[in-house]
Amino acid sequence: MPEKITADGTQNFSDFCVIDVRDYISAHRSPYPGADNIPLSYLKREWKKRSSCDKNILLIADDQREARLAAGIIKGKKTKAIYYTYS
């Protein structure tokens, strides 16, 4: 299970590959700086193309369920730690 991070301003998010798994509309309405928007429905296909990240992963999701699903897809391909936060 991914570990939750709260966005309180004390973390240095440059240490992460930030992936926004919210749908395009949610990501557009409240964008997360520096995040790649890959909606959950496209994540499995797109992650095969973009899985070159060698940092820990931070998922931006609408809720914990969405974060868990995304972490499950990524975890099969990645050995680094996965964290999440939701809006």
C-alpha atoms as a PDB file:
ATOM      1  CA  MET A   1       0.000   0.000   0.000  1.00  0.00           C
ATOM      2  CA  PRO A   2       1.320   3.475  -0.796  1.00  0.00           C
ATOM      3  CA  GLU A   3       2.191   5.797   2.059  1.00  0.00           C
ATOM      4  CA  LYS A   4       0.300   9.088   2.423  1.00  0.00           C
ATOM      5  CA  ILE A   5       2.132  12.422   2.336  1.00  0.00           C
ATOM      6  CA  THR A   6       0.410  15.643   3.344  1.00  0.00           C
ATOM      7  CA  ALA A   7       1.189  18.676   1.256  1.00  0.00           C
ATOM      8  CA  ASP A   8       1.981  21.102   4.072  1.00  0.00           C
ATOM      9  CA  GLY A   9       4.827  22.863   2.309  1.00  0.00           C
ATOM     10  CA  THR A  10       7.673  21.207   4.221  1.00  0.00           C
ATOM     11  CA  GLN A  11       8.428  18.447   1.715  1.00  0.00           C
ATOM     12  CA  ASN A  12      10.752  18.883  -1.219  1.00  0.00           C
ATOM     13  CA  PHE A  13       8.701  17.407  -4.053  1.00  0.00           C
ATOM     14  CA  SER A  14      11.639  17.668  -6.479  1.00  0.00           C
ATOM     15  CA  ASP A  15      12.796  14.369  -4.940  1.00  0.00           C
ATOM     16  CA  PHE A  16       9.775  12.660  -6.523  1.00  0.00           C
ATOM     17  CA  CYS A  17       8.353  11.826  -9.907  1.00  0.00           C
ATOM     18  CA  VAL A  18       4.932  13.434  -9.474  1.00  0.00           C
ATOM     19  CA  ILE A  19       2.086  11.752 -11.339  1.00  0.00           C
ATOM     20  CA  ASP A  20      -1.426  13.177 -11.266  1.00  0.00           C
ATOM     21  CA  VAL A  21      -3.853  10.277 -11.832  1.00  0.00           C
ATOM     22  CA  ARG A  22      -6.986  12.427 -11.587  1.00  0.00           C
ATOM     23  CA  ASP A  23      -9.116  12.878 -14.703  1.00  0.00           C
ATOM     24  CA  TYR A  24      -8.196  15.678 -17.114  1.00  0.00           C
ATOM     25  CA  ILE A  25     -10.947  18.014 -15.887  1.00  0.00           C
ATOM     26  CA  SER A  26      -9.955  17.776 -12.204  1.00  0.00           C
ATOM     27  CA  ALA A  27      -6.285  18.177 -13.043  1.00  0.00           C
ATOM     28  CA  HIS A  28      -7.044  21.215 -15.198  1.00  0.00           C
ATOM     29  CA  ARG A  29      -9.234  22.885 -12.548  1.00  0.00           C
ATOM     30  CA  SER A  30      -6.693  22.468  -9.755  1.00  0.00           C
ATOM     31  CA  PRO A  31      -3.312  21.751 -11.347  1.00  0.00           C
ATOM     32  CA  TYR A  32      -0.431  20.393  -9.336  1.00  0.00           C
ATOM     33  CA  PRO A  33       2.874  22.122 -10.243  1.00  0.00           C
ATOM     34  CA  GLY A  34       5.371  19.844 -11.944  1.00  0.00           C
ATOM     35  CA  ALA A  35       3.054  16.846 -12.192  1.00  0.00           C
ATOM     36  CA  ASP A  36       2.527  14.687 -15.256  1.00  0.00           C
ATOM     37  CA  ASN A  37      -1.206  14.155 -15.721  1.00  0.00           C
ATOM     38  CA  ILE A  38      -1.907  10.527 -16.620  1.00  0.00           C
ATOM     39  CA  PRO A  39      -5.545   9.694 -15.763  1.00  0.00           C
ATOM     40  CA  LEU A  40      -6.033   6.369 -14.019  1.00  0.00           C
ATOM     41  CA  SER A  41      -7.871   4.921 -17.017  1.00  0.00           C
ATOM     42  CA  TYR A  42      -4.769   5.503 -19.195  1.00  0.00           C
ATOM     43  CA  LEU A  43      -2.106   4.726 -16.588  1.00  0.00           C
ATOM     44  CA  LYS A  44      -1.382   1.107 -17.475  1.00  0.00           C
ATOM     45  CA  ARG A  45      -0.777   1.905 -21.147  1.00  0.00           C
ATOM     46  CA  GLU A  46       1.077   5.198 -20.572  1.00  0.00           C
ATOM     47  CA  TRP A  47       3.289   3.881 -17.760  1.00  0.00           C
ATOM     48  CA  LYS A  48       4.868   1.408 -20.187  1.00  0.00           C
ATOM     49  CA  LYS A  49       6.008   4.368 -22.295  1.00  0.00           C
ATOM     50  CA  ARG A  50       7.118   6.647 -19.429  1.00  0.00           C
ATOM     51  CA  SER A  51       8.511   4.294 -16.787  1.00  0.00           C
ATOM     52  CA  SER A  52      11.982   5.830 -16.859  1.00  0.00           C
ATOM     53  CA  CYS A  53      11.712   7.558 -13.468  1.00  0.00           C
ATOM     54  CA  ASP A  54      14.490   6.580 -11.039  1.00  0.00           C
ATOM     55  CA  LYS A  55      13.088   8.596  -8.088  1.00  0.00           C
ATOM     56  CA  ASN A  56      10.373   7.748  -5.587  1.00  0.00           C
ATOM     57  CA  ILE A  57       6.871   8.310  -6.942  1.00  0.00           C
ATOM     58  CA  LEU A  58       4.255  10.728  -5.610  1.00  0.00           C
ATOM     59  CA  LEU A  59       0.703  10.124  -6.829  1.00  0.00           C
ATOM     60  CA  ILE A  60      -1.884  12.907  -6.847  1.00  0.00           C
ATOM     61  CA  ALA A  61      -5.336  11.319  -6.628  1.00  0.00           C
ATOM     62  CA  ASP A  62      -8.951  12.241  -5.863  1.00  0.00           C
ATOM     63  CA  ASP A  63      -9.183   9.684  -3.050  1.00  0.00           C
ATOM     64  CA  GLN A  64      -7.379   6.806  -1.382  1.00  0.00           C
ATOM     65  CA  ARG A  65      -9.039   4.172  -3.580  1.00  0.00           C
ATOM     66  CA  GLU A  66      -7.740   5.844  -6.725  1.00  0.00           C
ATOM     67  CA  ALA A  67      -4.251   6.104  -5.184  1.00  0.00           C
ATOM     68  CA  ARG A  68      -4.250   2.387  -4.314  1.00  0.00           C
ATOM     69  CA  LEU A  69      -5.320   1.371  -7.821  1.00  0.00           C
ATOM     70  CA  ALA A  70      -2.623   3.550  -9.393  1.00  0.00           C
ATOM     71  CA  ALA A  71       0.015   2.255  -6.974  1.00  0.00           C
ATOM     72  CA  GLY A  72      -0.906  -1.317  -7.883  1.00  0.00           C
ATOM     73  CA  ILE A  73      -0.362  -0.605 -11.571  1.00  0.00           C
ATOM     74  CA  ILE A  74       2.961   1.147 -10.999  1.00  0.00           C
ATOM     75  CA  LYS A  75       4.266  -1.203  -8.316  1.00  0.00           C
ATOM     76  CA  GLY A  76       4.365  -4.131 -10.718  1.00  0.00           C
ATOM     77  CA  LYS A  77       6.843  -2.228 -12.850  1.00  0.00           C
ATOM     78  CA  LYS A  78       8.726  -0.226 -10.212  1.00  0.00           C
ATOM     79  CA  THR A  79      10.828  -1.015  -7.141  1.00  0.00           C
ATOM     80  CA  LYS A  80      11.003   2.523  -5.667  1.00  0.00           C
ATOM     81  CA  ALA A  81       8.671   3.721  -2.911  1.00  0.00           C
ATOM     82  CA  ILE A  82       5.237   5.071  -3.845  1.00  0.00           C
ATOM     83  CA  TYR A  83       3.565   7.870  -1.885  1.00  0.00           C
ATOM     84  CA  TYR A  84       0.274   9.657  -2.448  1.00  0.00           C
ATOM     85  CA  THR A  85      -1.745  12.700  -1.547  1.00  0.00           C
ATOM     86  CA  TYR A  86      -5.260  13.587  -2.577  1.00  0.00           C
ATOM     87  CA  SER A  87      -7.135  16.771  -3.157  1.00  0.00           C
END
